[in-house]
C-alpha atoms as a PDB file:
ATOM      1  CA  MET A   1      -1.488-225.571 129.411  1.00  0.00           C
ATOM      2  CA  LYS A   2      -1.701-222.000 130.250  1.00  0.00           C
ATOM      3  CA  PRO A   3      -0.112-219.835 127.708  1.00  0.00           C
ATOM      4  CA  GLU A   4       2.955-219.308 130.341  1.00  0.00           C
ATOM      5  CA  GLU A   5       3.349-223.070 130.810  1.00  0.00           C
ATOM      6  CA  LYS A   6       3.296-223.495 126.660  1.00  0.00           C
ATOM      7  CA  ASP A   7       5.903-220.500 126.396  1.00  0.00           C
ATOM      8  CA  LEU A   8       8.108-222.408 129.111  1.00  0.00           C
ATOM      9  CA  LEU A   9       7.986-225.734 127.123  1.00  0.00           C
ATOM     10  CA  GLU A  10       8.923-224.258 124.046  1.00  0.00           C
ATOM     11  CA  LYS A  11      11.487-222.204 125.577  1.00  0.00           C
ATOM     12  CA  LEU A  12      12.963-225.218 127.417  1.00  0.00           C
ATOM     13  CA  LEU A  13      12.848-227.305 123.788  1.00  0.00           C
ATOM     14  CA  THR A  14      14.590-224.276 121.547  1.00  0.00           C
ATOM     15  CA  GLU A  15      17.012-222.734 123.759  1.00  0.00           C
ATOM     16  CA  ASN A  16      18.994-225.265 125.394  1.00  0.00           C
ATOM     17  CA  ARG A  17      21.391-227.253 123.450  1.00  0.00           C
ATOM     18  CA  VAL A  18      21.991-230.449 125.201  1.00  0.00           C
ATOM     19  CA  LEU A  19      20.097-232.766 127.187  1.00  0.00           C
ATOM     20  CA  SER A  20      20.681-235.731 129.952  1.00  0.00           C
ATOM     21  CA  LEU A  21      19.418-239.097 128.167  1.00  0.00           C
ATOM     22  CA  GLY A  22      18.729-241.779 130.545  1.00  0.00           C
ATOM     23  CA  LEU A  23      18.390-245.253 128.848  1.00  0.00           C
ATOM     24  CA  THR A  24      18.777-248.985 129.846  1.00  0.00           C
ATOM     25  CA  VAL A  25      22.235-250.388 128.794  1.00  0.00           C
ATOM     26  CA  ASP A  26      23.279-253.908 129.453  1.00  0.00           C
ATOM     27  CA  GLY A  27      20.237-254.396 131.836  1.00  0.00           C
ATOM     28  CA  ARG A  28      21.028-251.161 133.933  1.00  0.00           C
ATOM     29  CA  PRO A  29      20.062-247.337 133.834  1.00  0.00           C
ATOM     30  CA  HIS A  30      22.457-244.993 132.335  1.00  0.00           C
ATOM     31  CA  VAL A  31      22.641-241.467 131.405  1.00  0.00           C
ATOM     32  CA  GLY A  32      24.621-239.868 128.584  1.00  0.00           C
ATOM     33  CA  LEU A  33      24.413-235.854 127.816  1.00  0.00           C
ATOM     34  CA  LEU A  34      23.610-235.126 124.239  1.00  0.00           C
ATOM     35  CA  PRO A  35      23.545-231.856 121.540  1.00  0.00           C
ATOM     36  CA  PHE A  36      19.861-231.942 120.500  1.00  0.00           C
ATOM     37  CA  VAL A  37      17.680-230.467 118.060  1.00  0.00           C
ATOM     38  CA  VAL A  38      13.813-230.414 118.468  1.00  0.00           C
ATOM     39  CA  ALA A  39      11.668-231.397 115.626  1.00  0.00           C
ATOM     40  CA  ASP A  40       9.267-229.072 113.640  1.00  0.00           C
ATOM     41  CA  ASP A  41       6.081-230.463 114.973  1.00  0.00           C
ATOM     42  CA  ARG A  42       7.537-230.481 118.588  1.00  0.00           C
ATOM     43  CA  GLN A  43       6.432-234.054 118.676  1.00  0.00           C
ATOM     44  CA  SER A  44      10.553-235.432 119.284  1.00  0.00           C
ATOM     45  CA  VAL A  45      13.938-234.254 119.477  1.00  0.00           C
ATOM     46  CA  LEU A  46      16.818-235.180 117.335  1.00  0.00           C
ATOM     47  CA  VAL A  47      20.256-236.870 118.661  1.00  0.00           C
ATOM     48  CA  HIS A  48      23.416-238.032 116.650  1.00  0.00           C
ATOM     49  CA  ALA A  49      25.301-240.489 118.677  1.00  0.00           C
ATOM     50  CA  SER A  50      28.610-242.650 117.673  1.00  0.00           C
ATOM     51  CA  GLN A  51      28.362-246.337 118.049  1.00  0.00           C
ATOM     52  CA  LEU A  52      31.476-246.351 120.630  1.00  0.00           C
ATOM     53  CA  ALA A  53      29.411-244.170 123.123  1.00  0.00           C
ATOM     54  CA  ARG A  54      28.458-246.608 126.001  1.00  0.00           C
ATOM     55  CA  HIS A  55      24.658-244.746 125.638  1.00  0.00           C
ATOM     56  CA  SER A  56      24.221-245.604 122.072  1.00  0.00           C
ATOM     57  CA  ARG A  57      23.698-249.429 123.293  1.00  0.00           C
ATOM     58  CA  GLY A  58      20.375-248.031 124.670  1.00  0.00           C
ATOM     59  CA  LEU A  59      19.441-245.989 121.282  1.00  0.00           C
ATOM     60  CA  GLN A  60      18.026-249.447 120.019  1.00  0.00           C
ATOM     61  CA  PRO A  61      14.552-248.752 117.762  1.00  0.00           C
ATOM     62  CA  GLY A  62      11.282-248.711 120.266  1.00  0.00           C
ATOM     63  CA  SER A  63      13.736-248.734 123.579  1.00  0.00           C
ATOM     64  CA  PRO A  64      12.438-246.522 126.306  1.00  0.00           C
ATOM     65  CA  PHE A  65      13.965-243.197 126.899  1.00  0.00           C
ATOM     66  CA  SER A  66      13.769-240.521 129.524  1.00  0.00           C
ATOM     67  CA  ILE A  67      15.003-236.973 128.623  1.00  0.00           C
ATOM     68  CA  LEU A  68      15.706-233.747 130.583  1.00  0.00           C
ATOM     69  CA  ILE A  69      15.977-230.495 129.931  1.00  0.00           C
ATOM     70  CA  HIS A  70      16.627-227.546 132.438  1.00  0.00           C
ATOM     71  CA  ALA A  71      17.219-223.744 132.457  1.00  0.00           C
ATOM     72  CA  ALA A  72      21.226-222.592 133.633  1.00  0.00           C
ATOM     73  CA  ASP A  73      22.228-223.069 137.180  1.00  0.00           C
ATOM     74  CA  HIS A  74      23.910-220.121 138.791  1.00  0.00           C
ATOM     75  CA  PRO A  75      25.253-219.599 142.350  1.00  0.00           C
ATOM     76  CA  ASP A  76      22.221-216.970 143.231  1.00  0.00           C
ATOM     77  CA  ALA A  77      19.388-219.737 141.792  1.00  0.00           C
ATOM     78  CA  ASP A  78      17.766-221.682 144.089  1.00  0.00           C
ATOM     79  CA  PRO A  79      18.359-225.360 142.189  1.00  0.00           C
ATOM     80  CA  LEU A  80      15.131-226.769 143.523  1.00  0.00           C
ATOM     81  CA  GLN A  81      13.346-224.129 141.476  1.00  0.00           C
ATOM     82  CA  LEU A  82      15.101-224.561 138.239  1.00  0.00           C
ATOM     83  CA  THR A  83      12.784-224.593 135.308  1.00  0.00           C
ATOM     84  CA  ARG A  84      12.854-228.184 133.664  1.00  0.00           C
ATOM     85  CA  VAL A  85      10.671-230.606 131.490  1.00  0.00           C
ATOM     86  CA  SER A  86      11.447-234.552 131.911  1.00  0.00           C
ATOM     87  CA  ILE A  87      10.129-236.305 128.705  1.00  0.00           C
ATOM     88  CA  SER A  88       9.962-240.167 128.056  1.00  0.00           C
ATOM     89  CA  GLY A  89       8.869-242.135 124.787  1.00  0.00           C
ATOM     90  CA  THR A  90      10.500-244.423 122.235  1.00  0.00           C
ATOM     91  CA  VAL A  91      13.599-244.289 120.281  1.00  0.00           C
ATOM     92  CA  GLN A  92      13.498-244.258 116.287  1.00  0.00           C
ATOM     93  CA  HIS A  93      16.509-244.807 114.243  1.00  0.00           C
ATOM     94  CA  VAL A  94      16.750-242.462 111.270  1.00  0.00           C
ATOM     95  CA  ALA A  95      18.680-244.653 108.662  1.00  0.00           C
ATOM     96  CA  GLN A  96      19.687-243.134 105.439  1.00  0.00           C
ATOM     97  CA  VAL A  97      17.188-244.817 103.200  1.00  0.00           C
ATOM     98  CA  ASP A  98      14.537-243.062 105.638  1.00  0.00           C
ATOM     99  CA  ALA A  99      12.469-240.347 103.451  1.00  0.00           C
ATOM    100  CA  ASP A 100      13.202-238.217 106.436  1.00  0.00           C
ATOM    101  CA  TYR A 101      17.019-238.341 106.960  1.00  0.00           C
ATOM    102  CA  GLU A 102      18.423-235.761 104.689  1.00  0.00           C
ATOM    103  CA  ALA A 103      15.853-233.489 106.210  1.00  0.00           C
ATOM    104  CA  SER A 104      16.985-234.415 109.806  1.00  0.00           C
ATOM    105  CA  ARG A 105      20.409-234.530 108.922  1.00  0.00           C
ATOM    106  CA  GLU A 106      20.306-230.618 107.605  1.00  0.00           C
ATOM    107  CA  ALA A 107      18.405-229.905 110.482  1.00  0.00           C
ATOM    108  CA  PHE A 108      20.868-231.134 112.694  1.00  0.00           C
ATOM    109  CA  ILE A 109      23.717-229.823 111.151  1.00  0.00           C
ATOM    110  CA  ASP A 110      22.069-226.282 110.660  1.00  0.00           C
ATOM    111  CA  HIS A 111      21.921-226.082 114.769  1.00  0.00           C
ATOM    112  CA  PHE A 112      25.515-227.874 115.014  1.00  0.00           C
ATOM    113  CA  PRO A 113      27.832-226.814 112.058  1.00  0.00           C
ATOM    114  CA  SER A 114      30.415-228.898 113.383  1.00  0.00           C
ATOM    115  CA  SER A 115      28.349-232.120 113.307  1.00  0.00           C
ATOM    116  CA  GLU A 116      28.983-231.976 109.421  1.00  0.00           C
ATOM    117  CA  LEU A 117      32.103-234.161 109.985  1.00  0.00           C
ATOM    118  CA  THR A 118      30.845-236.409 112.496  1.00  0.00           C
ATOM    119  CA  PHE A 119      27.754-237.238 109.577  1.00  0.00           C
ATOM    120  CA  THR A 120      30.702-238.766 107.367  1.00  0.00           C
ATOM    121  CA  LEU A 121      31.906-241.031 109.762  1.00  0.00           C
ATOM    122  CA  GLY A 122      30.699-244.235 109.944  1.00  0.00           C
ATOM    123  CA  ASP A 123      30.361-245.161 113.554  1.00  0.00           C
ATOM    124  CA  PHE A 124      27.496-242.061 114.018  1.00  0.00           C
ATOM    125  CA  ASN A 125      23.957-242.773 114.071  1.00  0.00           C
ATOM    126  CA  LEU A 126      20.807-240.304 114.054  1.00  0.00           C
ATOM    127  CA  TYR A 127      17.812-241.307 115.919  1.00  0.00           C
ATOM    128  CA  ARG A 128      14.658-239.458 116.959  1.00  0.00           C
ATOM    129  CA  LEU A 129      13.195-239.576 120.114  1.00  0.00           C
ATOM    130  CA  HIS A 130       8.965-239.786 119.845  1.00  0.00           C
ATOM    131  CA  PHE A 131       7.778-237.685 122.752  1.00  0.00           C
ATOM    132  CA  GLU A 132       5.176-239.836 124.839  1.00  0.00           C
ATOM    133  CA  ARG A 133       4.256-237.970 128.151  1.00  0.00           C
ATOM    134  CA  GLY A 134       6.489-235.600 130.169  1.00  0.00           C
ATOM    135  CA  ARG A 135       6.433-233.558 133.362  1.00  0.00           C
ATOM    136  CA  LEU A 136       6.745-229.579 133.250  1.00  0.00           C
ATOM    137  CA  VAL A 137       8.206-227.942 136.495  1.00  0.00           C
ATOM    138  CA  SER A 138       8.156-224.075 136.384  1.00  0.00           C
ATOM    139  CA  GLY A 139       8.966-223.929 140.301  1.00  0.00           C
ATOM    140  CA  PHE A 140       8.165-224.663 143.833  1.00  0.00           C
ATOM    141  CA  ALA A 141       4.719-226.610 143.604  1.00  0.00           C
ATOM    142  CA  ARG A 142       4.278-225.610 140.049  1.00  0.00           C
ATOM    143  CA  ALA A 143       4.397-228.828 137.925  1.00  0.00           C
ATOM    144  CA  ILE A 144       2.061-230.034 135.269  1.00  0.00           C
ATOM    145  CA  THR A 145       1.942-233.695 133.275  1.00  0.00           C
ATOM    146  CA  LEU A 146       2.460-233.201 129.500  1.00  0.00           C
ATOM    147  CA  GLY A 147       0.751-235.870 127.073  1.00  0.00           C
ATOM    148  CA  PRO A 148       0.980-236.068 123.461  1.00  0.00           C
ATOM    149  CA  ASP A 149      -1.573-233.206 123.281  1.00  0.00           C
ATOM    150  CA  SER A 150       0.691-231.091 125.151  1.00  0.00           C
ATOM    151  CA  PHE A 151       3.501-230.800 122.648  1.00  0.00           C
ATOM    152  CA  ALA A 152       1.076-230.790 119.707  1.00  0.00           C
ATOM    153  CA  GLU A 153       0.033-227.393 121.262  1.00  0.00           C
ATOM    154  CA  LEU A 154       3.016-225.699 120.904  1.00  0.00           C
ATOM    155  CA  THR A 155       2.886-225.968 116.944  1.00  0.00           C
ATOM    156  CA  LYS A 156      -0.375-223.917 117.169  1.00  0.00           C
ATOM    157  CA  THR A 157      -0.584-220.356 117.244  1.00  0.00           C
END
């Protein structure tokens, strides 16, 4: 990955607050919008979702997902030139008994202080979306395929 692509991917993962999450729910495609926090190792993101939300039915351990994170749109922008990354992988439920639960919970609350309340509600669960592959688009005819090594590169200086 070129340095400018690496910088763009890091920026998309750290400067955005919401992602579009695609899952299979009741045998049909479904897309939801969720706040997220990228993991320190850049191999996954954390999402916190209510079991009452339709998309939560697709957040089953081992289930496939696809996410889209993109730059902000504005009236002067060419929408086809918006920088974006789509990533697919598998879902992991982060249970309260898991060793990384407390650190994951704190990372989410640090990023979204108002979520401290939702962590006290019984219908919310924490999920880790593990990255397997992706596609980074930085403009017209400027796209690269991402694999696990691509995400690991982000933690190297």
